[in-house]
PDB file of N, CA and C in Angstrom:
ATOM      1  N   UNK A   1      -0.672 -11.020  -3.796  1.00  0.00           N
ATOM      2  CA  UNK A   1      -0.199  -9.525  -3.346  1.00  0.00           C
ATOM      3  C   UNK A   1       0.176  -8.891  -4.450  1.00  0.00           C
ATOM      4  N   UNK A   2       0.258  -7.157  -4.099  1.00  0.00           N
ATOM      5  CA  UNK A   2       0.313  -6.524  -5.253  1.00  0.00           C
ATOM      6  C   UNK A   2       1.696  -5.454  -4.707  1.00  0.00           C
ATOM      7  N   UNK A   3       2.313  -4.847  -5.687  1.00  0.00           N
ATOM      8  CA  UNK A   3       3.336  -3.974  -5.701  1.00  0.00           C
ATOM      9  C   UNK A   3       2.636  -2.588  -5.924  1.00  0.00           C
ATOM     10  N   UNK A   4       2.497  -1.356  -5.045  1.00  0.00           N
ATOM     11  CA  UNK A   4       1.911  -0.375  -6.027  1.00  0.00           C
ATOM     12  C   UNK A   4       2.556   0.438  -5.716  1.00  0.00           C
ATOM     13  N   UNK A   5       2.321   1.719  -6.453  1.00  0.00           N
ATOM     14  CA  UNK A   5       2.334   3.140  -6.367  1.00  0.00           C
ATOM     15  C   UNK A   5       1.454   3.716  -5.724  1.00  0.00           C
ATOM     16  N   UNK A   6       1.566   4.880  -4.745  1.00  0.00           N
ATOM     17  CA  UNK A   6       0.559   5.603  -4.635  1.00  0.00           C
ATOM     18  C   UNK A   6       0.629   7.111  -4.690  1.00  0.00           C
ATOM     19  N   UNK A   7      -0.141   7.738  -5.227  1.00  0.00           N
ATOM     20  CA  UNK A   7      -0.075   9.086  -5.449  1.00  0.00           C
ATOM     21  C   UNK A   7      -0.638   9.875  -4.100  1.00  0.00           C
ATOM     22  N   UNK A   8      -0.043  10.711  -4.021  1.00  0.00           N
ATOM     23  CA  UNK A   8      -0.428  11.670  -2.876  1.00  0.00           C
ATOM     24  C   UNK A   8      -0.918  12.922  -3.190  1.00  0.00           C
ATOM     25  N   UNK A   9      -2.291  13.732  -3.220  1.00  0.00           N
ATOM     26  CA  UNK A   9      -2.863  14.999  -4.049  1.00  0.00           C
ATOM     27  C   UNK A   9      -1.548  16.076  -3.011  1.00  0.00           C
ATOM     28  N   UNK A  10      -1.681  17.004  -4.250  1.00  0.00           N
ATOM     29  CA  UNK A  10      -0.976  18.463  -3.473  1.00  0.00           C
ATOM     30  C   UNK A  10      -0.793  18.899  -2.319  1.00  0.00           C
ATOM     31  N   UNK A  11      -2.552  18.795  -2.343  1.00  0.00           N
ATOM     32  CA  UNK A  11      -3.139  19.389  -0.489  1.00  0.00           C
ATOM     33  C   UNK A  11      -2.834  18.274   0.479  1.00  0.00           C
ATOM     34  N   UNK A  12      -2.357  17.091   0.392  1.00  0.00           N
ATOM     35  CA  UNK A  12      -2.303  17.127   1.457  1.00  0.00           C
ATOM     36  C   UNK A  12      -0.480  16.324   1.424  1.00  0.00           C
ATOM     37  N   UNK A  13       0.004  16.484   0.566  1.00  0.00           N
ATOM     38  CA  UNK A  13       1.562  15.909   0.244  1.00  0.00           C
ATOM     39  C   UNK A  13       2.021  16.566   1.778  1.00  0.00           C
ATOM     40  N   UNK A  14       1.955  17.868   2.265  1.00  0.00           N
ATOM     41  CA  UNK A  14       2.613  18.205   3.805  1.00  0.00           C
ATOM     42  C   UNK A  14       1.763  17.123   4.922  1.00  0.00           C
ATOM     43  N   UNK A  15       0.660  15.995   4.719  1.00  0.00           N
ATOM     44  CA  UNK A  15       0.539  15.620   5.579  1.00  0.00           C
ATOM     45  C   UNK A  15       0.702  14.140   5.136  1.00  0.00           C
ATOM     46  N   UNK A  16       1.694  13.629   4.471  1.00  0.00           N
ATOM     47  CA  UNK A  16       1.856  12.167   3.573  1.00  0.00           C
ATOM     48  C   UNK A  16       2.355  11.417   4.844  1.00  0.00           C
ATOM     49  N   UNK A  17       3.098  11.756   6.183  1.00  0.00           N
ATOM     50  CA  UNK A  17       3.728  11.065   7.100  1.00  0.00           C
ATOM     51  C   UNK A  17       2.479  10.145   7.687  1.00  0.00           C
ATOM     52  N   UNK A  18       1.089  10.840   7.791  1.00  0.00           N
ATOM     53  CA  UNK A  18      -0.233  10.639   8.183  1.00  0.00           C
ATOM     54  C   UNK A  18      -0.913   9.799   7.684  1.00  0.00           C
ATOM     55  N   UNK A  19      -0.719   9.796   6.016  1.00  0.00           N
ATOM     56  CA  UNK A  19      -1.360   9.036   5.122  1.00  0.00           C
ATOM     57  C   UNK A  19      -0.408   7.599   5.053  1.00  0.00           C
ATOM     58  N   UNK A  20       0.961   7.693   5.290  1.00  0.00           N
ATOM     59  CA  UNK A  20       1.566   6.589   5.328  1.00  0.00           C
ATOM     60  C   UNK A  20       1.357   5.704   6.462  1.00  0.00           C
ATOM     61  N   UNK A  21       1.111   6.291   7.750  1.00  0.00           N
ATOM     62  CA  UNK A  21       0.712   5.350   8.536  1.00  0.00           C
ATOM     63  C   UNK A  21      -0.856   4.638   8.622  1.00  0.00           C
ATOM     64  N   UNK A  22      -1.457   5.513   7.844  1.00  0.00           N
ATOM     65  CA  UNK A  22      -2.989   5.252   7.675  1.00  0.00           C
ATOM     66  C   UNK A  22      -2.917   3.632   6.364  1.00  0.00           C
ATOM     67  N   UNK A  23      -2.082   4.017   5.754  1.00  0.00           N
ATOM     68  CA  UNK A  23      -1.645   2.701   4.536  1.00  0.00           C
ATOM     69  C   UNK A  23      -0.734   1.600   5.631  1.00  0.00           C
ATOM     70  N   UNK A  24      -0.009   2.072   6.209  1.00  0.00           N
ATOM     71  CA  UNK A  24       0.637   0.563   7.050  1.00  0.00           C
ATOM     72  C   UNK A  24      -0.642  -0.212   7.676  1.00  0.00           C
ATOM     73  N   UNK A  25      -1.280   0.647   8.439  1.00  0.00           N
ATOM     74  CA  UNK A  25      -2.759  -0.238   9.415  1.00  0.00           C
ATOM     75  C   UNK A  25      -3.446  -0.832   8.524  1.00  0.00           C
ATOM     76  N   UNK A  26      -3.853  -0.341   7.700  1.00  0.00           N
ATOM     77  CA  UNK A  26      -4.521  -1.270   6.589  1.00  0.00           C
ATOM     78  C   UNK A  26      -3.711  -2.922   5.756  1.00  0.00           C
ATOM     79  N   UNK A  27      -2.341  -2.293   6.039  1.00  0.00           N
ATOM     80  CA  UNK A  27      -1.706  -3.361   5.362  1.00  0.00           C
ATOM     81  C   UNK A  27      -0.430  -3.176   5.017  1.00  0.00           C
ATOM     82  N   UNK A  28       0.155  -2.394   4.226  1.00  0.00           N
ATOM     83  CA  UNK A  28       0.730  -1.723   3.190  1.00  0.00           C
ATOM     84  C   UNK A  28       2.234  -1.941   4.038  1.00  0.00           C
ATOM     85  N   UNK A  29       3.236  -2.961   3.253  1.00  0.00           N
ATOM     86  CA  UNK A  29       4.787  -2.615   3.539  1.00  0.00           C
ATOM     87  C   UNK A  29       5.250  -1.869   2.789  1.00  0.00           C
ATOM     88  N   UNK A  30       5.146  -0.532   3.411  1.00  0.00           N
ATOM     89  CA  UNK A  30       6.134   0.673   2.756  1.00  0.00           C
ATOM     90  C   UNK A  30       7.726   0.421   2.328  1.00  0.00           C
ATOM     91  N   UNK A  31       7.858   0.435   1.185  1.00  0.00           N
ATOM     92  CA  UNK A  31       9.266   0.337   0.730  1.00  0.00           C
ATOM     93  C   UNK A  31       9.891   1.337   0.238  1.00  0.00           C
ATOM     94  N   UNK A  32       9.115   2.821   0.551  1.00  0.00           N
ATOM     95  CA  UNK A  32      10.026   3.906  -0.124  1.00  0.00           C
ATOM     96  C   UNK A  32       8.882   5.243  -0.164  1.00  0.00           C
ATOM     97  N   UNK A  33       9.154   6.281   0.611  1.00  0.00           N
ATOM     98  CA  UNK A  33       8.502   7.822   0.624  1.00  0.00           C
ATOM     99  C   UNK A  33       9.077   8.528  -0.115  1.00  0.00           C
ATOM    100  N   UNK A  34       8.653   9.310  -1.260  1.00  0.00           N
ATOM    101  CA  UNK A  34       9.264  10.433  -1.713  1.00  0.00           C
ATOM    102  C   UNK A  34       8.683  11.597  -1.273  1.00  0.00           C
ATOM    103  N   UNK A  35       8.797  12.152  -0.081  1.00  0.00           N
ATOM    104  CA  UNK A  35       8.131  12.999   0.157  1.00  0.00           C
ATOM    105  C   UNK A  35       7.829  14.227  -0.580  1.00  0.00           C
ATOM    106  N   UNK A  36       8.543  15.048  -1.490  1.00  0.00           N
ATOM    107  CA  UNK A  36       8.923  15.895  -2.439  1.00  0.00           C
ATOM    108  C   UNK A  36       7.877  15.636  -3.361  1.00  0.00           C
ATOM    109  N   UNK A  37       7.813  14.450  -3.810  1.00  0.00           N
ATOM    110  CA  UNK A  37       6.612  14.024  -5.135  1.00  0.00           C
ATOM    111  C   UNK A  37       5.306  13.874  -4.626  1.00  0.00           C
ATOM    112  N   UNK A  38       4.997  13.479  -3.273  1.00  0.00           N
ATOM    113  CA  UNK A  38       3.795  13.082  -2.465  1.00  0.00           C
ATOM    114  C   UNK A  38       3.570  11.176  -3.109  1.00  0.00           C
ATOM    115  N   UNK A  39       4.925  10.775  -3.289  1.00  0.00           N
ATOM    116  CA  UNK A  39       4.534   9.286  -3.719  1.00  0.00           C
ATOM    117  C   UNK A  39       5.162   8.195  -2.471  1.00  0.00           C
ATOM    118  N   UNK A  40       4.725   7.207  -2.417  1.00  0.00           N
ATOM    119  CA  UNK A  40       4.819   6.103  -1.606  1.00  0.00           C
ATOM    120  C   UNK A  40       4.307   5.192  -2.665  1.00  0.00           C
ATOM    121  N   UNK A  41       5.929   3.692  -2.189  1.00  0.00           N
ATOM    122  CA  UNK A  41       5.913   2.531  -2.736  1.00  0.00           C
ATOM    123  C   UNK A  41       5.528   1.705  -1.477  1.00  0.00           C
ATOM    124  N   UNK A  42       5.259   0.443  -2.134  1.00  0.00           N
ATOM    125  CA  UNK A  42       4.614  -0.367  -1.393  1.00  0.00           C
ATOM    126  C   UNK A  42       4.242  -1.907  -1.795  1.00  0.00           C
ATOM    127  N   UNK A  43       3.948  -3.020  -0.705  1.00  0.00           N
ATOM    128  CA  UNK A  43       3.435  -3.911  -1.238  1.00  0.00           C
ATOM    129  C   UNK A  43       1.849  -4.463   0.189  1.00  0.00           C
ATOM    130  N   UNK A  44       1.095  -4.715  -0.755  1.00  0.00           N
ATOM    131  CA  UNK A  44       0.031  -4.857   0.031  1.00  0.00           C
ATOM    132  C   UNK A  44      -0.850  -5.858  -0.661  1.00  0.00           C
ATOM    133  N   UNK A  45      -1.705  -6.698   0.225  1.00  0.00           N
ATOM    134  CA  UNK A  45      -2.365  -7.851   0.163  1.00  0.00           C
ATOM    135  C   UNK A  45      -3.707  -6.807  -1.667  1.00  0.00           C
ATOM    136  N   UNK A  46      -3.324  -7.650  -2.627  1.00  0.00           N
ATOM    137  CA  UNK A  46      -4.257  -6.919  -3.874  1.00  0.00           C
ATOM    138  C   UNK A  46      -5.345  -6.673  -2.952  1.00  0.00           C
ATOM    139  N   UNK A  47      -6.728  -7.825  -2.412  1.00  0.00           N
ATOM    140  CA  UNK A  47      -7.721  -6.773  -2.017  1.00  0.00           C
ATOM    141  C   UNK A  47      -7.999  -5.542  -1.498  1.00  0.00           C
ATOM    142  N   UNK A  48      -6.730  -5.058  -0.976  1.00  0.00           N
ATOM    143  CA  UNK A  48      -7.035  -3.803  -0.205  1.00  0.00           C
ATOM    144  C   UNK A  48      -6.611  -3.309  -0.873  1.00  0.00           C
ATOM    145  N   UNK A  49      -6.235  -3.085  -1.906  1.00  0.00           N
ATOM    146  CA  UNK A  49      -5.650  -1.848  -2.902  1.00  0.00           C
ATOM    147  C   UNK A  49      -6.954  -0.914  -2.928  1.00  0.00           C
ATOM    148  N   UNK A  50      -8.064  -0.820  -2.988  1.00  0.00           N
ATOM    149  CA  UNK A  50      -8.832  -0.304  -3.139  1.00  0.00           C
ATOM    150  C   UNK A  50      -9.208   0.684  -1.971  1.00  0.00           C
ATOM    151  N   UNK A  51      -8.828  -0.167  -0.700  1.00  0.00           N
ATOM    152  CA  UNK A  51      -9.159   0.606   0.147  1.00  0.00           C
ATOM    153  C   UNK A  51      -8.217   1.854   0.640  1.00  0.00           C
ATOM    154  N   UNK A  52      -6.795   1.766   0.265  1.00  0.00           N
ATOM    155  CA  UNK A  52      -5.854   2.606  -0.136  1.00  0.00           C
ATOM    156  C   UNK A  52      -6.293   3.837  -0.888  1.00  0.00           C
ATOM    157  N   UNK A  53      -6.683   3.344  -1.842  1.00  0.00           N
ATOM    158  CA  UNK A  53      -7.019   4.498  -3.061  1.00  0.00           C
ATOM    159  C   UNK A  53      -8.382   5.264  -2.408  1.00  0.00           C
ATOM    160  N   UNK A  54      -9.257   4.884  -2.064  1.00  0.00           N
ATOM    161  CA  UNK A  54     -10.024   5.239  -1.055  1.00  0.00           C
ATOM    162  C   UNK A  54     -10.186   6.031   0.338  1.00  0.00           C
ATOM    163  N   UNK A  55      -8.631   6.611   0.871  1.00  0.00           N
ATOM    164  CA  UNK A  55      -7.921   7.452   2.027  1.00  0.00           C
ATOM    165  C   UNK A  55      -7.704   8.795   1.391  1.00  0.00           C
ATOM    166  N   UNK A  56      -8.527   9.487   2.414  1.00  0.00           N
ATOM    167  CA  UNK A  56      -8.858  10.761   1.779  1.00  0.00           C
ATOM    168  C   UNK A  56      -7.300  11.726   1.789  1.00  0.00           C
ATOM    169  N   UNK A  57      -7.012  12.387   0.526  1.00  0.00           N
ATOM    170  CA  UNK A  57      -5.312  12.650   0.461  1.00  0.00           C
ATOM    171  C   UNK A  57      -5.042  11.775  -0.828  1.00  0.00           C
ATOM    172  N   UNK A  58      -5.464  10.655  -0.944  1.00  0.00           N
ATOM    173  CA  UNK A  58      -4.535   9.500  -1.873  1.00  0.00           C
ATOM    174  C   UNK A  58      -5.303  10.120  -3.314  1.00  0.00           C
ATOM    175  N   UNK A  59      -4.529  10.598  -4.138  1.00  0.00           N
ATOM    176  CA  UNK A  59      -5.055  10.560  -5.456  1.00  0.00           C
ATOM    177  C   UNK A  59      -5.486   9.490  -6.247  1.00  0.00           C
ATOM    178  N   UNK A  60      -4.640   8.638  -6.442  1.00  0.00           N
ATOM    179  CA  UNK A  60      -4.840   7.227  -6.963  1.00  0.00           C
ATOM    180  C   UNK A  60      -3.578   6.238  -6.641  1.00  0.00           C
ATOM    181  N   UNK A  61      -4.007   4.993  -7.002  1.00  0.00           N
ATOM    182  CA  UNK A  61      -3.185   3.914  -6.915  1.00  0.00           C
ATOM    183  C   UNK A  61      -2.732   3.530  -7.936  1.00  0.00           C
ATOM    184  N   UNK A  62      -1.434   3.137  -8.298  1.00  0.00           N
ATOM    185  CA  UNK A  62      -1.384   2.144  -9.733  1.00  0.00           C
ATOM    186  C   UNK A  62      -0.598   0.806  -9.054  1.00  0.00           C
ATOM    187  N   UNK A  63      -1.530  -0.393  -9.362  1.00  0.00           N
ATOM    188  CA  UNK A  63      -0.547  -1.596  -9.310  1.00  0.00           C
ATOM    189  C   UNK A  63       0.408  -1.556 -10.497  1.00  0.00           C
ATOM    190  N   UNK A  64       1.710  -1.835  -9.996  1.00  0.00           N
ATOM    191  CA  UNK A  64       2.664  -2.106 -10.939  1.00  0.00           C
ATOM    192  C   UNK A  64       3.028  -3.897 -11.354  1.00  0.00           C
ATOM    193  N   UNK A  65       2.683  -4.231  -9.903  1.00  0.00           N
ATOM    194  CA  UNK A  65       2.889  -5.760 -10.342  1.00  0.00           C
ATOM    195  C   UNK A  65       2.095  -6.440  -9.291  1.00  0.00           C
ATOM    196  N   UNK A  66       1.325  -7.721  -9.903  1.00  0.00           N
ATOM    197  CA  UNK A  66       0.697  -8.467  -8.643  1.00  0.00           C
ATOM    198  C   UNK A  66       1.188  -9.854  -8.761  1.00  0.00           C
ATOM    199  N   UNK A  67       1.216 -10.824  -7.529  1.00  0.00           N
ATOM    200  CA  UNK A  67       1.873 -12.005  -7.978  1.00  0.00           C
ATOM    201  C   UNK A  67       1.029 -12.703  -6.674  1.00  0.00           C
ATOM    202  N   UNK A  68       0.926 -14.257  -6.858  1.00  0.00           N
ATOM    203  CA  UNK A  68       0.197 -15.115  -5.882  1.00  0.00           C
ATOM    204  C   UNK A  68       1.294 -15.366  -4.683  1.00  0.00           C
ATOM    205  N   UNK A  69       0.985 -15.461  -3.868  1.00  0.00           N
ATOM    206  CA  UNK A  69       2.260 -15.278  -2.607  1.00  0.00           C
ATOM    207  C   UNK A  69       1.796 -16.906  -1.912  1.00  0.00           C
ATOM    208  N   UNK A  70       2.061 -18.070  -1.907  1.00  0.00           N
ATOM    209  CA  UNK A  70       2.092 -19.028  -1.011  1.00  0.00           C
ATOM    210  C   UNK A  70       2.672 -19.471  -0.097  1.00  0.00           C
ATOM    211  N   UNK A  71       2.180 -18.753   1.123  1.00  0.00           N
ATOM    212  CA  UNK A  71       2.978 -19.229   2.229  1.00  0.00           C
ATOM    213  C   UNK A  71       2.818 -20.378   3.038  1.00  0.00           C
ATOM    214  N   UNK A  72       4.252 -20.495   3.551  1.00  0.00           N
ATOM    215  CA  UNK A  72       3.856 -22.423   4.309  1.00  0.00           C
ATOM    216  C   UNK A  72       2.964 -22.288   5.437  1.00  0.00           C
ATOM    217  N   UNK A  73       2.513 -23.172   5.724  1.00  0.00           N
ATOM    218  CA  UNK A  73       1.371 -23.376   6.885  1.00  0.00           C
ATOM    219  C   UNK A  73       2.346 -22.940   8.080  1.00  0.00           C
ATOM    220  N   UNK A  74       1.880 -22.214   8.935  1.00  0.00           N
ATOM    221  CA  UNK A  74       2.468 -21.479  10.430  1.00  0.00           C
ATOM    222  C   UNK A  74       2.626 -20.036  10.003  1.00  0.00           C
ATOM    223  N   UNK A  75       3.236 -19.571   8.793  1.00  0.00           N
ATOM    224  CA  UNK A  75       3.400 -18.533   8.640  1.00  0.00           C
ATOM    225  C   UNK A  75       2.443 -17.577   9.040  1.00  0.00           C
ATOM    226  N   UNK A  76       2.343 -16.604   9.356  1.00  0.00           N
ATOM    227  CA  UNK A  76       1.110 -15.507   9.691  1.00  0.00           C
ATOM    228  C   UNK A  76       0.169 -15.004   8.274  1.00  0.00           C
ATOM    229  N   UNK A  77       1.140 -15.018   7.619  1.00  0.00           N
ATOM    230  CA  UNK A  77       0.596 -14.374   6.277  1.00  0.00           C
ATOM    231  C   UNK A  77      -0.514 -15.545   5.745  1.00  0.00           C
ATOM    232  N   UNK A  78       0.549 -16.615   5.793  1.00  0.00           N
ATOM    233  CA  UNK A  78      -0.557 -17.889   5.450  1.00  0.00           C
ATOM    234  C   UNK A  78      -1.858 -18.195   5.538  1.00  0.00           C
ATOM    235  N   UNK A  79      -2.712 -17.921   4.130  1.00  0.00           N
ATOM    236  CA  UNK A  79      -4.662 -17.686   4.423  1.00  0.00           C
ATOM    237  C   UNK A  79      -4.981 -18.921   3.870  1.00  0.00           C
ATOM    238  N   UNK A  80      -4.533 -20.457   3.573  1.00  0.00           N
ATOM    239  CA  UNK A  80      -5.005 -21.586   2.995  1.00  0.00           C
ATOM    240  C   UNK A  80      -4.755 -22.468   3.921  1.00  0.00           C
ATOM    241  N   UNK A  81      -3.641 -22.141   4.743  1.00  0.00           N
ATOM    242  CA  UNK A  81      -2.963 -23.631   5.343  1.00  0.00           C
ATOM    243  C   UNK A  81      -2.435 -24.474   4.708  1.00  0.00           C
ATOM    244  N   UNK A  82      -2.079 -24.420   3.460  1.00  0.00           N
ATOM    245  CA  UNK A  82      -1.694 -25.513   2.445  1.00  0.00           C
ATOM    246  C   UNK A  82      -0.507 -25.443   2.519  1.00  0.00           C
TER     247      UNK A  82
END
């Protein structure tokens, strides 16, 4: 998992809500949105960071912190069944 900060370019800042919805569809758990600055903070599976960075209007994505999350069997986020 990665904690991220995504910066939306100035041209797309008025449409930040649409970009946030696209991020959520990819799997971002959005923690904070600063509409005035065009900044979105959240958590996402590390392998999806590039998908977010490729969204139209996203200027760049900074990975703040990455960690391994080993969820117990039965948890919908569990990937290895262990």
